[in-house]
């Protein structure tokens, strides 16, 4: 996922994470797993942490980023806030 710099700080990324979580809920998935690649600055990893993700060091090699070469493995339990499906204007169903 990538949000163009001109469109950042508008909660687009957070909305995308909510939509992904909602899709995973419908699919019966328990966790969302990703690799956050921020070229070593740590900013993107901190952003994901603020959005409920945790580093997943045991999955680092499995996700194709041994030693963090291509980013940091992260995980978050799937969650959907009550009323999300009624409020969300993005429709995928």
PDB file of N, CA and C in Angstrom:
ATOM      1  N   UNK A   1       0.845  -1.159   0.000  1.00  0.00           N
ATOM      2  CA  UNK A   1       0.000   0.000   0.000  1.00  0.00           C
ATOM      3  C   UNK A   1       0.898   1.232   0.000  1.00  0.00           C
ATOM      4  N   UNK A   2       0.509   2.242  -0.740  1.00  0.00           N
ATOM      5  CA  UNK A   2       1.284   3.475  -0.802  1.00  0.00           C
ATOM      6  C   UNK A   2       0.321   4.637  -0.970  1.00  0.00           C
ATOM      7  N   UNK A   3       0.494   5.670  -0.166  1.00  0.00           N
ATOM      8  CA  UNK A   3      -0.297   6.887  -0.289  1.00  0.00           C
ATOM      9  C   UNK A   3       0.624   7.975  -0.814  1.00  0.00           C
ATOM     10  N   UNK A   4       0.252   8.563  -1.929  1.00  0.00           N
ATOM     11  CA  UNK A   4       1.058   9.633  -2.527  1.00  0.00           C
ATOM     12  C   UNK A   4       1.263  10.759  -1.509  1.00  0.00           C
ATOM     13  N   UNK A   5       2.454  11.355  -1.477  1.00  0.00           N
ATOM     14  CA  UNK A   5       2.746  12.412  -0.497  1.00  0.00           C
ATOM     15  C   UNK A   5       1.714  13.538  -0.459  1.00  0.00           C
ATOM     16  N   UNK A   6       1.178  13.935  -1.599  1.00  0.00           N
ATOM     17  CA  UNK A   6       0.191  15.028  -1.624  1.00  0.00           C
ATOM     18  C   UNK A   6      -1.116  14.663  -0.916  1.00  0.00           C
ATOM     19  N   UNK A   7      -1.338  13.366  -0.684  1.00  0.00           N
ATOM     20  CA  UNK A   7      -2.602  12.923  -0.094  1.00  0.00           C
ATOM     21  C   UNK A   7      -2.429  12.352   1.305  1.00  0.00           C
ATOM     22  N   UNK A   8      -1.260  12.527   1.884  1.00  0.00           N
ATOM     23  CA  UNK A   8      -1.021  12.023   3.240  1.00  0.00           C
ATOM     24  C   UNK A   8      -1.642  12.957   4.277  1.00  0.00           C
ATOM     25  N   UNK A   9      -1.723  12.477   5.496  1.00  0.00           N
ATOM     26  CA  UNK A   9      -2.308  13.219   6.629  1.00  0.00           C
ATOM     27  C   UNK A   9      -3.781  13.522   6.426  1.00  0.00           C
ATOM     28  N   UNK A  10      -4.462  12.659   5.669  1.00  0.00           N
ATOM     29  CA  UNK A  10      -5.907  12.787   5.459  1.00  0.00           C
ATOM     30  C   UNK A  10      -6.631  11.513   5.902  1.00  0.00           C
ATOM     31  N   UNK A  11      -5.915  10.659   6.615  1.00  0.00           N
ATOM     32  CA  UNK A  11      -6.441   9.386   7.117  1.00  0.00           C
ATOM     33  C   UNK A  11      -6.777   8.386   6.016  1.00  0.00           C
ATOM     34  N   UNK A  12      -6.229   8.575   4.824  1.00  0.00           N
ATOM     35  CA  UNK A  12      -6.459   7.629   3.733  1.00  0.00           C
ATOM     36  C   UNK A  12      -5.827   6.286   4.062  1.00  0.00           C
ATOM     37  N   UNK A  13      -4.614   6.303   4.584  1.00  0.00           N
ATOM     38  CA  UNK A  13      -3.942   5.060   4.947  1.00  0.00           C
ATOM     39  C   UNK A  13      -4.688   4.309   6.034  1.00  0.00           C
ATOM     40  N   UNK A  14      -5.154   5.028   7.049  1.00  0.00           N
ATOM     41  CA  UNK A  14      -5.898   4.393   8.138  1.00  0.00           C
ATOM     42  C   UNK A  14      -7.209   3.802   7.604  1.00  0.00           C
ATOM     43  N   UNK A  15      -7.877   4.525   6.693  1.00  0.00           N
ATOM     44  CA  UNK A  15      -9.102   4.003   6.082  1.00  0.00           C
ATOM     45  C   UNK A  15      -8.797   2.728   5.299  1.00  0.00           C
ATOM     46  N   UNK A  16      -7.686   2.729   4.561  1.00  0.00           N
ATOM     47  CA  UNK A  16      -7.298   1.535   3.806  1.00  0.00           C
ATOM     48  C   UNK A  16      -7.078   0.353   4.746  1.00  0.00           C
ATOM     49  N   UNK A  17      -6.428   0.589   5.890  1.00  0.00           N
ATOM     50  CA  UNK A  17      -6.226  -0.493   6.862  1.00  0.00           C
ATOM     51  C   UNK A  17      -7.557  -0.999   7.397  1.00  0.00           C
ATOM     52  N   UNK A  18      -8.502  -0.094   7.641  1.00  0.00           N
ATOM     53  CA  UNK A  18      -9.829  -0.499   8.118  1.00  0.00           C
ATOM     54  C   UNK A  18     -10.551  -1.343   7.068  1.00  0.00           C
ATOM     55  N   UNK A  19     -10.458  -0.944   5.810  1.00  0.00           N
ATOM     56  CA  UNK A  19     -11.107  -1.691   4.728  1.00  0.00           C
ATOM     57  C   UNK A  19     -10.474  -3.078   4.588  1.00  0.00           C
ATOM     58  N   UNK A  20      -9.141  -3.128   4.639  1.00  0.00           N
ATOM     59  CA  UNK A  20      -8.448  -4.420   4.560  1.00  0.00           C
ATOM     60  C   UNK A  20      -8.888  -5.315   5.712  1.00  0.00           C
ATOM     61  N   UNK A  21      -8.981  -4.760   6.912  1.00  0.00           N
ATOM     62  CA  UNK A  21      -9.419  -5.537   8.070  1.00  0.00           C
ATOM     63  C   UNK A  21     -10.852  -6.028   7.877  1.00  0.00           C
ATOM     64  N   UNK A  22     -11.704  -5.179   7.325  1.00  0.00           N
ATOM     65  CA  UNK A  22     -13.099  -5.569   7.081  1.00  0.00           C
ATOM     66  C   UNK A  22     -13.164  -6.711   6.067  1.00  0.00           C
ATOM     67  N   UNK A  23     -12.382  -6.612   5.010  1.00  0.00           N
ATOM     68  CA  UNK A  23     -12.338  -7.688   4.015  1.00  0.00           C
ATOM     69  C   UNK A  23     -11.861  -8.976   4.667  1.00  0.00           C
ATOM     70  N   UNK A  24     -10.816  -8.868   5.489  1.00  0.00           N
ATOM     71  CA  UNK A  24     -10.313 -10.057   6.176  1.00  0.00           C
ATOM     72  C   UNK A  24     -11.361 -10.643   7.115  1.00  0.00           C
ATOM     73  N   UNK A  25     -12.160  -9.802   7.751  1.00  0.00           N
ATOM     74  CA  UNK A  25     -13.227 -10.281   8.626  1.00  0.00           C
ATOM     75  C   UNK A  25     -14.235 -11.103   7.827  1.00  0.00           C
ATOM     76  N   UNK A  26     -14.659 -10.567   6.694  1.00  0.00           N
ATOM     77  CA  UNK A  26     -15.623 -11.264   5.838  1.00  0.00           C
ATOM     78  C   UNK A  26     -15.043 -12.600   5.363  1.00  0.00           C
ATOM     79  N   UNK A  27     -13.738 -12.624   5.121  1.00  0.00           N
ATOM     80  CA  UNK A  27     -13.074 -13.840   4.648  1.00  0.00           C
ATOM     81  C   UNK A  27     -12.740 -14.818   5.774  1.00  0.00           C
ATOM     82  N   UNK A  28     -12.969 -14.426   7.015  1.00  0.00           N
ATOM     83  CA  UNK A  28     -12.692 -15.301   8.139  1.00  0.00           C
ATOM     84  C   UNK A  28     -11.225 -15.361   8.534  1.00  0.00           C
ATOM     85  N   UNK A  29     -10.469 -14.336   8.184  1.00  0.00           N
ATOM     86  CA  UNK A  29      -9.043 -14.267   8.510  1.00  0.00           C
ATOM     87  C   UNK A  29      -8.883 -13.714   9.929  1.00  0.00           C
ATOM     88  N   UNK A  30      -7.906 -14.226  10.658  1.00  0.00           N
ATOM     89  CA  UNK A  30      -7.693 -13.791  12.045  1.00  0.00           C
ATOM     90  C   UNK A  30      -6.689 -12.662  12.189  1.00  0.00           C
ATOM     91  N   UNK A  31      -5.698 -12.611  11.298  1.00  0.00           N
ATOM     92  CA  UNK A  31      -4.625 -11.620  11.412  1.00  0.00           C
ATOM     93  C   UNK A  31      -4.301 -11.023  10.044  1.00  0.00           C
ATOM     94  N   UNK A  32      -3.881  -9.760  10.051  1.00  0.00           N
ATOM     95  CA  UNK A  32      -3.306  -9.128   8.866  1.00  0.00           C
ATOM     96  C   UNK A  32      -1.807  -9.085   9.089  1.00  0.00           C
ATOM     97  N   UNK A  33      -1.054  -9.561   8.101  1.00  0.00           N
ATOM     98  CA  UNK A  33       0.401  -9.624   8.184  1.00  0.00           C
ATOM     99  C   UNK A  33       0.972  -8.854   7.004  1.00  0.00           C
ATOM    100  N   UNK A  34       2.042  -8.082   7.234  1.00  0.00           N
ATOM    101  CA  UNK A  34       2.638  -7.284   6.165  1.00  0.00           C
ATOM    102  C   UNK A  34       4.115  -7.058   6.427  1.00  0.00           C
ATOM    103  N   UNK A  35       4.783  -6.525   5.432  1.00  0.00           N
ATOM    104  CA  UNK A  35       6.168  -6.075   5.590  1.00  0.00           C
ATOM    105  C   UNK A  35       6.174  -4.569   5.351  1.00  0.00           C
ATOM    106  N   UNK A  36       6.580  -3.817   6.353  1.00  0.00           N
ATOM    107  CA  UNK A  36       6.650  -2.353   6.262  1.00  0.00           C
ATOM    108  C   UNK A  36       8.052  -1.953   5.830  1.00  0.00           C
ATOM    109  N   UNK A  37       8.165  -1.402   4.634  1.00  0.00           N
ATOM    110  CA  UNK A  37       9.465  -1.000   4.095  1.00  0.00           C
ATOM    111  C   UNK A  37       9.546   0.518   4.070  1.00  0.00           C
ATOM    112  N   UNK A  38      10.313   1.069   4.975  1.00  0.00           N
ATOM    113  CA  UNK A  38      10.470   2.527   5.037  1.00  0.00           C
ATOM    114  C   UNK A  38      11.926   2.934   4.861  1.00  0.00           C
ATOM    115  N   UNK A  39      12.677   2.094   4.165  1.00  0.00           N
ATOM    116  CA  UNK A  39      14.094   2.375   3.894  1.00  0.00           C
ATOM    117  C   UNK A  39      14.909   2.622   5.160  1.00  0.00           C
ATOM    118  N   UNK A  40      14.472   2.017   6.260  1.00  0.00           N
ATOM    119  CA  UNK A  40      15.239   2.103   7.500  1.00  0.00           C
ATOM    120  C   UNK A  40      14.976   3.324   8.358  1.00  0.00           C
ATOM    121  N   UNK A  41      14.083   4.216   7.938  1.00  0.00           N
ATOM    122  CA  UNK A  41      13.837   5.430   8.729  1.00  0.00           C
ATOM    123  C   UNK A  41      13.046   5.147  10.003  1.00  0.00           C
ATOM    124  N   UNK A  42      12.237   4.098   9.987  1.00  0.00           N
ATOM    125  CA  UNK A  42      11.416   3.760  11.141  1.00  0.00           C
ATOM    126  C   UNK A  42      10.072   4.457  11.166  1.00  0.00           C
ATOM    127  N   UNK A  43       9.872   5.461  10.329  1.00  0.00           N
ATOM    128  CA  UNK A  43       8.625   6.220  10.334  1.00  0.00           C
ATOM    129  C   UNK A  43       7.409   5.388   9.985  1.00  0.00           C
ATOM    130  N   UNK A  44       7.511   4.568   8.955  1.00  0.00           N
ATOM    131  CA  UNK A  44       6.376   3.745   8.544  1.00  0.00           C
ATOM    132  C   UNK A  44       6.079   2.674   9.585  1.00  0.00           C
ATOM    133  N   UNK A  45       7.102   2.101  10.167  1.00  0.00           N
ATOM    134  CA  UNK A  45       6.915   1.098  11.218  1.00  0.00           C
ATOM    135  C   UNK A  45       6.178   1.741  12.400  1.00  0.00           C
ATOM    136  N   UNK A  46       6.572   2.932  12.799  1.00  0.00           N
ATOM    137  CA  UNK A  46       5.884   3.633  13.900  1.00  0.00           C
ATOM    138  C   UNK A  46       4.434   3.924  13.527  1.00  0.00           C
ATOM    139  N   UNK A  47       4.181   4.297  12.263  1.00  0.00           N
ATOM    140  CA  UNK A  47       2.808   4.567  11.823  1.00  0.00           C
ATOM    141  C   UNK A  47       1.959   3.306  11.951  1.00  0.00           C
ATOM    142  N   UNK A  48       2.493   2.171  11.493  1.00  0.00           N
ATOM    143  CA  UNK A  48       1.748   0.915  11.632  1.00  0.00           C
ATOM    144  C   UNK A  48       1.539   0.573  13.106  1.00  0.00           C
ATOM    145  N   UNK A  49       2.524   0.825  13.953  1.00  0.00           N
ATOM    146  CA  UNK A  49       2.364   0.564  15.389  1.00  0.00           C
ATOM    147  C   UNK A  49       1.259   1.433  15.969  1.00  0.00           C
ATOM    148  N   UNK A  50       1.186   2.694  15.552  1.00  0.00           N
ATOM    149  CA  UNK A  50       0.099   3.571  16.018  1.00  0.00           C
ATOM    150  C   UNK A  50      -1.259   3.055  15.541  1.00  0.00           C
ATOM    151  N   UNK A  51      -1.274   2.271  14.479  1.00  0.00           N
ATOM    152  CA  UNK A  51      -2.515   1.722  13.934  1.00  0.00           C
ATOM    153  C   UNK A  51      -2.739   0.273  14.352  1.00  0.00           C
ATOM    154  N   UNK A  52      -2.089  -0.142  15.451  1.00  0.00           N
ATOM    155  CA  UNK A  52      -2.380  -1.422  16.060  1.00  0.00           C
ATOM    156  C   UNK A  52      -1.510  -2.598  15.658  1.00  0.00           C
ATOM    157  N   UNK A  53      -0.528  -2.386  14.794  1.00  0.00           N
ATOM    158  CA  UNK A  53       0.361  -3.474  14.379  1.00  0.00           C
ATOM    159  C   UNK A  53       1.518  -3.610  15.356  1.00  0.00           C
ATOM    160  N   UNK A  54       2.055  -4.821  15.431  1.00  0.00           N
ATOM    161  CA  UNK A  54       3.237  -5.115  16.229  1.00  0.00           C
ATOM    162  C   UNK A  54       4.280  -5.761  15.333  1.00  0.00           C
ATOM    163  N   UNK A  55       5.536  -5.558  15.679  1.00  0.00           N
ATOM    164  CA  UNK A  55       6.599  -6.241  14.951  1.00  0.00           C
ATOM    165  C   UNK A  55       6.443  -7.742  15.161  1.00  0.00           C
ATOM    166  N   UNK A  56       6.743  -8.502  14.112  1.00  0.00           N
ATOM    167  CA  UNK A  56       6.595  -9.958  14.152  1.00  0.00           C
ATOM    168  C   UNK A  56       7.924 -10.607  13.774  1.00  0.00           C
ATOM    169  N   UNK A  57       8.916 -10.549  14.683  1.00  0.00           N
ATOM    170  CA  UNK A  57      10.253 -11.031  14.333  1.00  0.00           C
ATOM    171  C   UNK A  57      10.304 -12.499  13.929  1.00  0.00           C
ATOM    172  N   UNK A  58       9.414 -13.329  14.460  1.00  0.00           N
ATOM    173  CA  UNK A  58       9.430 -14.748  14.109  1.00  0.00           C
ATOM    174  C   UNK A  58       8.948 -14.984  12.671  1.00  0.00           C
ATOM    175  N   UNK A  59       8.296 -13.991  12.082  1.00  0.00           N
ATOM    176  CA  UNK A  59       7.807 -14.124  10.705  1.00  0.00           C
ATOM    177  C   UNK A  59       8.723 -13.433   9.692  1.00  0.00           C
ATOM    178  N   UNK A  60       9.743 -12.776  10.172  1.00  0.00           N
ATOM    179  CA  UNK A  60      10.614 -11.972   9.318  1.00  0.00           C
ATOM    180  C   UNK A  60      11.152 -12.765   8.123  1.00  0.00           C
ATOM    181  N   UNK A  61      11.747 -13.907   8.369  1.00  0.00           N
ATOM    182  CA  UNK A  61      12.317 -14.711   7.285  1.00  0.00           C
ATOM    183  C   UNK A  61      11.228 -15.308   6.391  1.00  0.00           C
ATOM    184  N   UNK A  62      10.125 -15.730   7.008  1.00  0.00           N
ATOM    185  CA  UNK A  62       9.030 -16.350   6.260  1.00  0.00           C
ATOM    186  C   UNK A  62       8.445 -15.375   5.230  1.00  0.00           C
ATOM    187  N   UNK A  63       8.422 -14.102   5.567  1.00  0.00           N
ATOM    188  CA  UNK A  63       7.839 -13.100   4.672  1.00  0.00           C
ATOM    189  C   UNK A  63       8.825 -12.586   3.630  1.00  0.00           C
ATOM    190  N   UNK A  64       9.970 -13.207   3.532  1.00  0.00           N
ATOM    191  CA  UNK A  64      10.910 -12.866   2.474  1.00  0.00           C
ATOM    192  C   UNK A  64      11.771 -11.654   2.742  1.00  0.00           C
ATOM    193  N   UNK A  65      11.946 -11.317   4.013  1.00  0.00           N
ATOM    194  CA  UNK A  65      12.764 -10.164   4.365  1.00  0.00           C
ATOM    195  C   UNK A  65      13.730 -10.529   5.491  1.00  0.00           C
ATOM    196  N   UNK A  66      14.622 -11.498   5.221  1.00  0.00           N
ATOM    197  CA  UNK A  66      15.540 -11.919   6.284  1.00  0.00           C
ATOM    198  C   UNK A  66      16.391 -10.763   6.799  1.00  0.00           C
ATOM    199  N   UNK A  67      16.458 -10.661   8.112  1.00  0.00           N
ATOM    200  CA  UNK A  67      17.242  -9.598   8.718  1.00  0.00           C
ATOM    201  C   UNK A  67      16.682  -8.205   8.487  1.00  0.00           C
ATOM    202  N   UNK A  68      15.453  -8.119   7.998  1.00  0.00           N
ATOM    203  CA  UNK A  68      14.839  -6.819   7.751  1.00  0.00           C
ATOM    204  C   UNK A  68      15.345  -6.126   6.500  1.00  0.00           C
ATOM    205  N   UNK A  69      15.995  -6.883   5.621  1.00  0.00           N
ATOM    206  CA  UNK A  69      16.581  -6.294   4.406  1.00  0.00           C
ATOM    207  C   UNK A  69      15.547  -5.546   3.562  1.00  0.00           C
ATOM    208  N   UNK A  70      14.333  -6.072   3.483  1.00  0.00           N
ATOM    209  CA  UNK A  70      13.298  -5.448   2.664  1.00  0.00           C
ATOM    210  C   UNK A  70      12.178  -4.860   3.493  1.00  0.00           C
ATOM    211  N   UNK A  71      12.383  -4.675   4.784  1.00  0.00           N
ATOM    212  CA  UNK A  71      11.368  -4.109   5.647  1.00  0.00           C
ATOM    213  C   UNK A  71      11.178  -4.938   6.903  1.00  0.00           C
ATOM    214  N   UNK A  72      10.209  -4.537   7.696  1.00  0.00           N
ATOM    215  CA  UNK A  72       9.945  -5.143   8.996  1.00  0.00           C
ATOM    216  C   UNK A  72       8.621  -5.898   8.942  1.00  0.00           C
ATOM    217  N   UNK A  73       8.639  -7.183   9.310  1.00  0.00           N
ATOM    218  CA  UNK A  73       7.418  -7.978   9.375  1.00  0.00           C
ATOM    219  C   UNK A  73       6.551  -7.459  10.521  1.00  0.00           C
ATOM    220  N   UNK A  74       5.250  -7.291  10.233  1.00  0.00           N
ATOM    221  CA  UNK A  74       4.329  -6.773  11.239  1.00  0.00           C
ATOM    222  C   UNK A  74       3.020  -7.547  11.176  1.00  0.00           C
ATOM    223  N   UNK A  75       2.292  -7.552  12.297  1.00  0.00           N
ATOM    224  CA  UNK A  75       1.053  -8.316  12.396  1.00  0.00           C
ATOM    225  C   UNK A  75       0.044  -7.548  13.256  1.00  0.00           C
ATOM    226  N   UNK A  76      -1.240  -7.743  12.946  1.00  0.00           N
ATOM    227  CA  UNK A  76      -2.317  -7.145  13.748  1.00  0.00           C
ATOM    228  C   UNK A  76      -3.529  -8.073  13.696  1.00  0.00           C
ATOM    229  N   UNK A  77      -4.162  -8.316  14.841  1.00  0.00           N
ATOM    230  CA  UNK A  77      -5.415  -9.074  14.793  1.00  0.00           C
ATOM    231  C   UNK A  77      -6.443  -8.312  13.957  1.00  0.00           C
ATOM    232  N   UNK A  78      -7.232  -9.049  13.212  1.00  0.00           N
ATOM    233  CA  UNK A  78      -8.279  -8.422  12.402  1.00  0.00           C
ATOM    234  C   UNK A  78      -9.328  -7.851  13.348  1.00  0.00           C
ATOM    235  N   UNK A  79      -9.763  -6.653  13.052  1.00  0.00           N
ATOM    236  CA  UNK A  79     -10.789  -6.014  13.880  1.00  0.00           C
ATOM    237  C   UNK A  79     -11.604  -5.066  13.006  1.00  0.00           C
ATOM    238  N   UNK A  80     -12.855  -4.946  13.337  1.00  0.00           N
ATOM    239  CA  UNK A  80     -13.734  -4.014  12.640  1.00  0.00           C
ATOM    240  C   UNK A  80     -14.567  -3.301  13.697  1.00  0.00           C
ATOM    241  N   UNK A  81     -14.522  -1.984  13.671  1.00  0.00           N
ATOM    242  CA  UNK A  81     -15.308  -1.213  14.634  1.00  0.00           C
ATOM    243  C   UNK A  81     -16.790  -1.378  14.342  1.00  0.00           C
ATOM    244  N   UNK A  82     -17.568  -1.367  15.395  1.00  0.00           N
ATOM    245  CA  UNK A  82     -19.015  -1.479  15.243  1.00  0.00           C
ATOM    246  C   UNK A  82     -19.534  -0.356  14.347  1.00  0.00           C
ATOM    247  N   UNK A  83     -20.358  -0.691  13.404  1.00  0.00           N
ATOM    248  CA  UNK A  83     -20.938   0.285  12.484  1.00  0.00           C
ATOM    249  C   UNK A  83     -20.089   0.602  11.270  1.00  0.00           C
ATOM    250  N   UNK A  84     -18.912  -0.023  11.176  1.00  0.00           N
ATOM    251  CA  UNK A  84     -18.003   0.284  10.055  1.00  0.00           C
ATOM    252  C   UNK A  84     -18.668   0.054   8.703  1.00  0.00           C
ATOM    253  N   UNK A  85     -19.348  -1.079   8.555  1.00  0.00           N
ATOM    254  CA  UNK A  85     -19.938  -1.404   7.254  1.00  0.00           C
ATOM    255  C   UNK A  85     -21.026  -0.408   6.851  1.00  0.00           C
ATOM    256  N   UNK A  86     -21.700   0.177   7.820  1.00  0.00           N
ATOM    257  CA  UNK A  86     -22.726   1.176   7.524  1.00  0.00           C
ATOM    258  C   UNK A  86     -22.108   2.536   7.173  1.00  0.00           C
ATOM    259  N   UNK A  87     -20.986   2.872   7.810  1.00  0.00           N
ATOM    260  CA  UNK A  87     -20.347   4.173   7.603  1.00  0.00           C
ATOM    261  C   UNK A  87     -19.432   4.224   6.376  1.00  0.00           C
ATOM    262  N   UNK A  88     -18.820   3.108   6.039  1.00  0.00           N
ATOM    263  CA  UNK A  88     -17.807   3.100   4.984  1.00  0.00           C
ATOM    264  C   UNK A  88     -18.448   3.310   3.614  1.00  0.00           C
ATOM    265  N   UNK A  89     -17.932   4.296   2.887  1.00  0.00           N
ATOM    266  CA  UNK A  89     -18.468   4.595   1.560  1.00  0.00           C
ATOM    267  C   UNK A  89     -17.801   3.776   0.468  1.00  0.00           C
ATOM    268  N   UNK A  90     -16.737   3.039   0.816  1.00  0.00           N
ATOM    269  CA  UNK A  90     -16.056   2.179  -0.139  1.00  0.00           C
ATOM    270  C   UNK A  90     -16.786   0.842  -0.167  1.00  0.00           C
ATOM    271  N   UNK A  91     -17.236   0.441  -1.338  1.00  0.00           N
ATOM    272  CA  UNK A  91     -17.984  -0.820  -1.473  1.00  0.00           C
ATOM    273  C   UNK A  91     -17.203  -1.807  -2.302  1.00  0.00           C
ATOM    274  N   UNK A  92     -16.983  -2.988  -1.772  1.00  0.00           N
ATOM    275  CA  UNK A  92     -16.302  -4.040  -2.508  1.00  0.00           C
ATOM    276  C   UNK A  92     -17.171  -5.286  -2.593  1.00  0.00           C
ATOM    277  N   UNK A  93     -18.373  -5.228  -2.011  1.00  0.00           N
ATOM    278  CA  UNK A  93     -19.247  -6.384  -2.023  1.00  0.00           C
ATOM    279  C   UNK A  93     -20.426  -6.168  -2.931  1.00  0.00           C
TER     280      UNK A  93
END
